Amino acid sequence: MTTPTTNQQPIKKDPSENLDSKKKKNFFNSTYDEFKLVVWPSRQQLFSESVAVIIMVSFSAAAIASVSRFYGWAASQIFR
């Protein structure tokens, strides 16, 4: 028995689909390799650096607030 013939070409897979999946796999493999190179901080280092950041942010916020209040006070004195 023979199969019927048609004028249509056989369906081929799009080569870009295969290339996209290879790119994604390569991306995830590269990302995983980079994560293995990261030097993660110890618990002690993480705690001390977090405290330092919180203190510096608090001082910066206080400085900005005090300058803002001073200029607000000065403007209220000038524009009474």
N, C-alpha and C. Protein backbone atom coordinates (compact mmCIF):
# COMPACT_ATOMS: atom_id res chain seq x y z
N MET A 1 0.85 -1.17 0.00
CA MET A 1 0.00 0.00 0.00
C MET A 1 0.89 1.23 0.00
N THR A 2 0.50 2.23 -0.74
CA THR A 2 1.28 3.46 -0.83
C THR A 2 0.53 4.59 -0.17
N THR A 3 1.27 5.59 0.25
CA THR A 3 0.64 6.75 0.88
C THR A 3 0.30 7.76 -0.19
N PRO A 4 -0.74 8.51 0.02
CA PRO A 4 -1.11 9.50 -0.99
C PRO A 4 -0.06 10.61 -1.06
N THR A 5 0.14 11.11 -2.22
CA THR A 5 1.11 12.19 -2.39
C THR A 5 0.37 13.51 -2.42
N THR A 6 1.00 14.52 -1.89
CA THR A 6 0.43 15.87 -1.90
C THR A 6 1.50 16.83 -2.36
N ASN A 7 1.10 18.02 -2.62
CA ASN A 7 2.05 19.05 -3.05
C ASN A 7 2.66 19.79 -1.85
N GLN A 8 2.29 19.40 -0.66
CA GLN A 8 2.80 20.08 0.53
C GLN A 8 4.15 19.50 0.94
N GLN A 9 4.97 20.40 1.44
CA GLN A 9 6.27 19.99 1.97
C GLN A 9 6.06 19.39 3.35
N PRO A 10 6.92 18.48 3.77
CA PRO A 10 6.80 17.95 5.13
C PRO A 10 7.03 19.07 6.15
N ILE A 11 6.34 18.96 7.27
CA ILE A 11 6.45 19.98 8.32
C ILE A 11 7.79 19.81 9.01
N LYS A 12 8.54 20.89 9.02
CA LYS A 12 9.86 20.88 9.67
C LYS A 12 9.79 21.75 10.91
N LYS A 13 10.54 21.38 11.88
CA LYS A 13 10.61 22.19 13.10
C LYS A 13 11.39 23.45 12.80
N ASP A 14 10.94 24.52 13.43
CA ASP A 14 11.61 25.80 13.26
C ASP A 14 12.95 25.74 14.00
N PRO A 15 14.07 25.98 13.31
CA PRO A 15 15.37 25.89 14.00
C PRO A 15 15.54 26.93 15.08
N SER A 16 14.79 28.04 15.02
CA SER A 16 14.93 29.06 16.05
C SER A 16 14.38 28.58 17.39
N GLU A 17 13.38 27.67 17.37
CA GLU A 17 12.85 27.12 18.62
C GLU A 17 13.93 26.32 19.34
N ASN A 18 14.66 25.52 18.60
CA ASN A 18 15.73 24.72 19.19
C ASN A 18 16.84 25.62 19.72
N LEU A 19 17.14 26.68 18.96
CA LEU A 19 18.17 27.62 19.39
C LEU A 19 17.76 28.36 20.66
N ASP A 20 16.47 28.74 20.77
CA ASP A 20 15.99 29.43 21.97
C ASP A 20 16.10 28.54 23.20
N SER A 21 15.76 27.27 23.06
CA SER A 21 15.85 26.38 24.21
C SER A 21 17.30 26.18 24.63
N LYS A 22 18.21 26.14 23.66
CA LYS A 22 19.64 26.01 24.00
C LYS A 22 20.14 27.26 24.70
N LYS A 23 19.66 28.43 24.24
CA LYS A 23 20.07 29.68 24.88
C LYS A 23 19.58 29.74 26.33
N LYS A 24 18.33 29.33 26.55
CA LYS A 24 17.78 29.34 27.90
C LYS A 24 18.56 28.39 28.81
N LYS A 25 18.84 27.20 28.31
CA LYS A 25 19.59 26.23 29.11
C LYS A 25 20.98 26.75 29.42
N ASN A 26 21.61 27.37 28.43
CA ASN A 26 22.94 27.93 28.64
C ASN A 26 22.89 29.07 29.65
N PHE A 27 21.85 29.90 29.58
CA PHE A 27 21.70 31.00 30.53
C PHE A 27 21.59 30.48 31.96
N PHE A 28 20.71 29.49 32.16
CA PHE A 28 20.52 28.96 33.51
C PHE A 28 21.77 28.24 34.01
N ASN A 29 22.47 27.54 33.14
CA ASN A 29 23.72 26.90 33.56
C ASN A 29 24.77 27.93 33.94
N SER A 30 24.87 29.01 33.15
CA SER A 30 25.83 30.07 33.47
C SER A 30 25.47 30.77 34.78
N THR A 31 24.18 30.99 34.99
CA THR A 31 23.74 31.62 36.23
C THR A 31 24.08 30.75 37.43
N TYR A 32 23.84 29.46 37.31
CA TYR A 32 24.16 28.53 38.39
C TYR A 32 25.67 28.53 38.67
N ASP A 33 26.47 28.54 37.63
CA ASP A 33 27.93 28.57 37.80
C ASP A 33 28.37 29.85 38.51
N GLU A 34 27.74 30.98 38.18
CA GLU A 34 28.09 32.23 38.84
C GLU A 34 27.70 32.22 40.32
N PHE A 35 26.56 31.62 40.64
CA PHE A 35 26.15 31.53 42.05
C PHE A 35 27.13 30.70 42.86
N LYS A 36 27.77 29.73 42.24
CA LYS A 36 28.75 28.93 42.97
C LYS A 36 30.00 29.74 43.28
N LEU A 37 30.26 30.81 42.52
CA LEU A 37 31.45 31.64 42.75
C LEU A 37 31.24 32.73 43.80
N VAL A 38 29.99 32.97 44.18
CA VAL A 38 29.68 34.02 45.15
C VAL A 38 30.20 33.62 46.53
N VAL A 39 30.82 34.59 47.20
CA VAL A 39 31.28 34.36 48.58
C VAL A 39 30.21 34.95 49.49
N TRP A 40 29.42 34.08 50.10
CA TRP A 40 28.32 34.53 50.94
C TRP A 40 28.86 34.95 52.31
N PRO A 41 28.32 36.03 52.91
CA PRO A 41 28.82 36.49 54.21
C PRO A 41 28.40 35.55 55.32
N SER A 42 29.21 35.58 56.38
CA SER A 42 28.86 34.78 57.56
C SER A 42 27.74 35.49 58.31
N ARG A 43 27.16 34.81 59.28
CA ARG A 43 26.07 35.39 60.06
C ARG A 43 26.57 36.62 60.84
N GLN A 44 27.76 36.53 61.39
CA GLN A 44 28.35 37.65 62.15
C GLN A 44 28.57 38.86 61.23
N GLN A 45 29.12 38.64 60.06
CA GLN A 45 29.38 39.73 59.12
C GLN A 45 28.08 40.34 58.62
N LEU A 46 27.09 39.51 58.35
CA LEU A 46 25.79 39.99 57.89
C LEU A 46 25.14 40.88 58.96
N PHE A 47 25.19 40.45 60.22
CA PHE A 47 24.60 41.21 61.31
C PHE A 47 25.30 42.55 61.49
N SER A 48 26.64 42.55 61.54
CA SER A 48 27.37 43.80 61.79
C SER A 48 27.19 44.79 60.64
N GLU A 49 27.19 44.31 59.41
CA GLU A 49 27.01 45.22 58.28
C GLU A 49 25.57 45.74 58.21
N SER A 50 24.61 44.92 58.59
CA SER A 50 23.22 45.38 58.63
C SER A 50 23.04 46.47 59.67
N VAL A 51 23.65 46.31 60.82
CA VAL A 51 23.57 47.33 61.88
C VAL A 51 24.22 48.63 61.39
N ALA A 52 25.36 48.53 60.73
CA ALA A 52 26.04 49.72 60.21
C ALA A 52 25.16 50.44 59.19
N VAL A 53 24.50 49.71 58.32
CA VAL A 53 23.63 50.33 57.32
C VAL A 53 22.44 51.01 58.00
N ILE A 54 21.84 50.36 58.97
CA ILE A 54 20.69 50.94 59.67
C ILE A 54 21.10 52.23 60.39
N ILE A 55 22.26 52.23 61.01
CA ILE A 55 22.73 53.44 61.71
C ILE A 55 22.99 54.57 60.72
N MET A 56 23.65 54.28 59.61
CA MET A 56 23.95 55.33 58.64
C MET A 56 22.68 55.88 58.00
N VAL A 57 21.72 55.04 57.72
CA VAL A 57 20.45 55.51 57.16
C VAL A 57 19.72 56.38 58.17
N SER A 58 19.77 56.00 59.44
CA SER A 58 19.12 56.81 60.49
C SER A 58 19.77 58.17 60.61
N PHE A 59 21.10 58.22 60.60
CA PHE A 59 21.80 59.51 60.67
C PHE A 59 21.50 60.36 59.45
N SER A 60 21.46 59.77 58.28
CA SER A 60 21.16 60.52 57.05
C SER A 60 19.74 61.07 57.10
N ALA A 61 18.79 60.26 57.54
CA ALA A 61 17.40 60.72 57.64
C ALA A 61 17.28 61.85 58.65
N ALA A 62 17.99 61.74 59.77
CA ALA A 62 17.94 62.81 60.77
C ALA A 62 18.55 64.10 60.22
N ALA A 63 19.64 63.99 59.49
CA ALA A 63 20.28 65.18 58.92
C ALA A 63 19.36 65.84 57.90
N ILE A 64 18.75 65.05 57.03
CA ILE A 64 17.85 65.62 56.03
C ILE A 64 16.64 66.26 56.69
N ALA A 65 16.09 65.61 57.72
CA ALA A 65 14.93 66.15 58.43
C ALA A 65 15.28 67.47 59.12
N SER A 66 16.46 67.54 59.74
CA SER A 66 16.84 68.77 60.44
C SER A 66 17.07 69.92 59.46
N VAL A 67 17.68 69.65 58.32
CA VAL A 67 17.87 70.69 57.31
C VAL A 67 16.52 71.15 56.77
N SER A 68 15.63 70.21 56.54
CA SER A 68 14.29 70.55 56.03
C SER A 68 13.53 71.39 57.04
N ARG A 69 13.59 71.03 58.31
CA ARG A 69 12.90 71.82 59.34
C ARG A 69 13.51 73.21 59.47
N PHE A 70 14.84 73.31 59.35
CA PHE A 70 15.48 74.62 59.43
C PHE A 70 15.01 75.52 58.31
N TYR A 71 15.01 75.00 57.08
CA TYR A 71 14.56 75.81 55.95
C TYR A 71 13.08 76.14 56.06
N GLY A 72 12.28 75.22 56.59
CA GLY A 72 10.87 75.52 56.83
C GLY A 72 10.69 76.62 57.84
N TRP A 73 11.46 76.56 58.92
CA TRP A 73 11.41 77.60 59.95
C TRP A 73 11.87 78.94 59.38
N ALA A 74 12.98 78.91 58.60
CA ALA A 74 13.51 80.15 58.03
C ALA A 74 12.49 80.76 57.06
N ALA A 75 11.83 79.94 56.26
CA ALA A 75 10.84 80.45 55.32
C ALA A 75 9.65 81.04 56.07
N SER A 76 9.25 80.43 57.19
CA SER A 76 8.12 80.98 57.94
C SER A 76 8.49 82.31 58.61
N GLN A 77 9.75 82.48 58.97
CA GLN A 77 10.21 83.75 59.54
C GLN A 77 10.24 84.85 58.49
N ILE A 78 10.62 84.49 57.28
CA ILE A 78 10.75 85.50 56.22
C ILE A 78 9.38 85.89 55.68
N PHE A 79 8.52 84.93 55.46
CA PHE A 79 7.24 85.19 54.80
C PHE A 79 6.05 85.27 55.75
N ARG A 80 6.22 85.87 56.89
CA ARG A 80 5.13 86.06 57.86
C ARG A 80 4.06 86.92 57.32
